Protein backbone atom coordinates (compact mmCIF):
# COMPACT_ATOMS: atom_id res chain seq x y z
CA MET A 1 -18.59 6.48 17.64
CA PRO A 2 -15.76 9.05 17.83
CA PHE A 3 -15.17 11.49 15.01
CA PRO A 4 -12.29 10.19 12.82
CA PHE A 5 -10.19 13.35 13.18
CA GLN A 6 -10.35 13.44 16.99
CA GLY A 7 -7.12 13.98 18.80
CA SER A 8 -4.60 16.76 18.60
CA ARG A 9 -2.38 15.08 16.00
CA MET A 10 -4.77 12.85 14.04
CA TRP A 11 -4.92 15.39 11.20
CA TYR A 12 -1.23 14.70 10.59
CA LEU A 13 -1.87 10.98 10.16
CA TYR A 14 -4.73 11.53 7.73
CA GLY A 15 -2.61 14.05 5.82
CA PHE A 16 0.22 11.55 5.50
CA ALA A 17 -2.24 8.82 4.43
CA MET A 18 -3.56 11.21 1.76
CA LEU A 19 0.00 11.86 0.55
CA ALA A 20 0.60 8.10 0.38
CA GLY A 21 -2.64 7.68 -1.58
CA LEU A 22 -1.48 10.31 -4.04
CA ALA A 23 1.89 8.55 -4.37
CA ASN A 24 0.05 5.26 -4.89
CA ALA A 25 -1.91 6.82 -7.76
CA ILE A 26 1.16 8.39 -9.41
CA GLN A 27 3.73 5.61 -8.86
CA PRO A 28 2.51 3.16 -11.55
CA GLY A 29 3.04 5.81 -14.25
CA PRO A 30 6.75 6.44 -13.71
CA ASN A 31 7.40 2.78 -12.94
CA SER A 32 5.69 1.45 -16.06
CA THR A 33 7.28 4.22 -18.18
CA LEU A 34 10.71 3.16 -16.91
CA ALA A 35 9.90 -0.46 -17.75
CA LYS A 36 8.66 0.46 -21.24
CA SER A 37 11.47 2.90 -22.02
CA SER A 38 14.22 0.59 -20.85
CA THR A 39 12.45 -2.47 -22.35
CA GLN A 40 13.49 -4.23 -19.15
CA PRO A 41 10.58 -4.50 -16.67
CA PHE A 42 12.56 -6.45 -14.08
CA PHE A 43 15.39 -3.90 -14.26
CA ALA A 44 12.78 -1.20 -13.64
CA GLY A 45 11.52 -3.17 -10.65
CA LEU A 46 15.03 -3.37 -9.24
CA VAL A 47 15.44 0.39 -9.68
CA VAL A 48 12.21 0.92 -7.72
CA VAL A 49 13.42 -1.31 -4.88
CA VAL A 50 16.93 0.18 -4.75
CA VAL A 51 15.67 3.78 -4.80
CA SER A 52 13.10 2.90 -2.11
CA GLY A 53 15.86 1.37 0.01
CA ILE A 54 18.06 4.44 -0.39
CA VAL A 55 15.19 6.77 0.59
CA LEU A 56 14.45 4.64 3.67
CA LEU A 57 18.14 4.57 4.62
CA VAL A 58 18.53 8.34 4.28
CA ALA A 59 15.27 9.06 6.13
CA GLY A 60 16.29 6.70 8.93
CA LEU A 61 19.72 8.29 9.24
CA VAL A 62 18.42 11.87 9.07
CA THR A 63 15.76 11.24 11.72
CA GLY A 64 18.12 9.18 13.88
CA ARG A 65 15.59 6.34 13.99
CA LEU A 66 17.58 3.72 12.06
CA SER A 67 18.89 0.87 14.15
CA MET A 68 19.16 -2.88 13.83
CA PRO A 69 17.17 -5.09 16.18
CA SER A 70 19.07 -7.42 18.44
CA TYR A 71 19.05 -11.13 17.65
CA GLU A 72 16.60 -11.67 20.51
CA GLN A 73 14.27 -8.97 19.16
CA ALA A 74 14.45 -10.36 15.63
CA ALA A 75 13.72 -13.87 16.87
CA GLN A 76 10.50 -12.61 18.50
CA VAL A 77 9.10 -11.31 15.19
CA PRO A 78 6.36 -13.56 13.73
CA TRP A 79 7.48 -15.35 10.56
CA TRP A 80 4.86 -13.64 8.41
CA ALA A 81 6.14 -10.17 9.37
CA TRP A 82 9.29 -10.83 7.30
CA CYS A 83 7.24 -11.32 4.11
CA GLY A 84 6.27 -7.69 3.47
CA GLY A 85 9.04 -7.29 0.90
CA MET A 86 7.54 -10.07 -1.19
CA LEU A 87 4.19 -8.27 -1.12
CA GLY A 88 5.95 -5.07 -2.16
CA ALA A 89 7.46 -6.94 -5.12
CA VAL A 90 3.96 -8.08 -6.16
CA MET A 91 2.83 -4.44 -6.02
CA THR A 92 5.78 -3.28 -8.10
CA LEU A 93 5.36 -6.04 -10.70
CA SER A 94 1.66 -5.25 -11.02
CA GLN A 95 2.54 -1.61 -11.69
CA LEU A 96 5.06 -2.62 -14.34
CA PHE A 97 2.97 -5.20 -16.19
CA ILE A 98 -0.72 -4.62 -15.41
CA ALA A 99 -1.23 -0.88 -14.85
CA PRO A 100 -0.25 0.10 -18.42
CA LYS A 101 -2.74 -2.37 -19.87
CA LEU A 102 -5.69 -1.49 -17.60
CA GLY A 103 -5.10 2.25 -17.34
CA ALA A 104 -4.50 4.34 -14.23
CA ALA A 105 -8.10 4.62 -12.97
CA PRO A 106 -9.21 0.98 -13.32
CA PHE A 107 -5.86 -0.27 -11.97
CA LEU A 108 -5.79 1.97 -8.93
CA GLY A 109 -9.53 1.61 -8.33
CA THR A 110 -9.19 -2.17 -8.29
CA LEU A 111 -6.06 -2.00 -6.14
CA VAL A 112 -7.66 0.27 -3.55
CA THR A 113 -11.04 -1.50 -3.55
CA VAL A 114 -9.56 -4.96 -3.06
CA GLY A 115 -7.32 -3.44 -0.38
CA VAL A 116 -10.33 -2.01 1.44
CA LEU A 117 -12.29 -5.28 1.18
CA ALA A 118 -9.30 -7.26 2.45
CA SER A 119 -8.76 -4.67 5.20
CA ILE A 120 -12.33 -5.13 6.43
CA ALA A 121 -11.62 -8.84 6.86
CA LEU A 122 -8.16 -8.24 8.39
CA ASP A 123 -9.66 -5.79 10.90
CA HIS A 124 -12.65 -8.00 11.67
CA TYR A 125 -10.48 -10.99 12.57
CA GLY A 126 -7.47 -9.05 13.86
CA LEU A 127 -5.11 -10.76 11.43
CA PHE A 128 -1.45 -9.93 10.77
CA GLY A 129 -1.06 -7.66 13.77
CA PHE A 130 -4.13 -5.46 13.28
CA GLU A 131 -6.43 -4.68 16.19
CA VAL A 132 -9.96 -6.05 15.94
CA HIS A 133 -12.48 -3.66 14.39
CA HIS A 134 -15.65 -5.57 13.63
CA ALA A 135 -17.09 -5.53 10.11
CA SER A 136 -20.19 -3.46 10.72
CA ILE A 137 -22.94 -3.21 8.15
CA TRP A 138 -21.64 0.27 7.28
CA ARG A 139 -18.13 -0.96 6.59
CA VAL A 140 -19.44 -3.77 4.42
CA LEU A 141 -21.78 -1.36 2.60
CA GLY A 142 -18.83 0.96 1.98
CA GLY A 143 -16.90 -1.95 0.44
CA VAL A 144 -19.86 -2.84 -1.79
CA LEU A 145 -20.15 0.78 -2.92
CA MET A 146 -16.45 0.80 -3.77
CA VAL A 147 -16.92 -2.30 -5.94
CA ALA A 148 -19.75 -0.50 -7.76
CA GLY A 149 -17.56 2.58 -8.17
CA VAL A 150 -14.68 0.60 -9.68
CA ALA A 151 -17.10 -1.12 -12.05
CA LEU A 152 -18.28 2.31 -13.26
CA VAL A 153 -14.71 3.58 -13.65
CA ALA A 154 -13.63 0.45 -15.54
CA LEU A 155 -16.67 0.31 -17.82
CA PHE A 156 -16.89 3.99 -18.71
């Protein structure tokens, strides 16, 4: 099995994933504070989506990588690939309504652990555009250990 950091630029990908993980841990705080302070959780959710859209637009323009697909290209996209925004809305709503009640550690621990468990299944079956990576005993054991870790974080 190859070392995970092999390749000349793999460190960059892991670094960016770590930055995204940090953002994932921090994001529920500001989002739920905005919802609480404004007393309008759905307004807060709209702010999150609009600001995200603006950041994506600016980043796309600055990097020169923003372009619209042709009709033919768009027609080739699987139907389920257009549903990511709905999943993002579920994430945002959970941050606004659930994170403040559970606390940062149990919320994020549950979010990440369920994500890892689901990812093992997605990889194993190659669902939703992922390449097949079989669920080895080590991957499954890692998922089980994460469940135990979240239980400890939530209980204590």
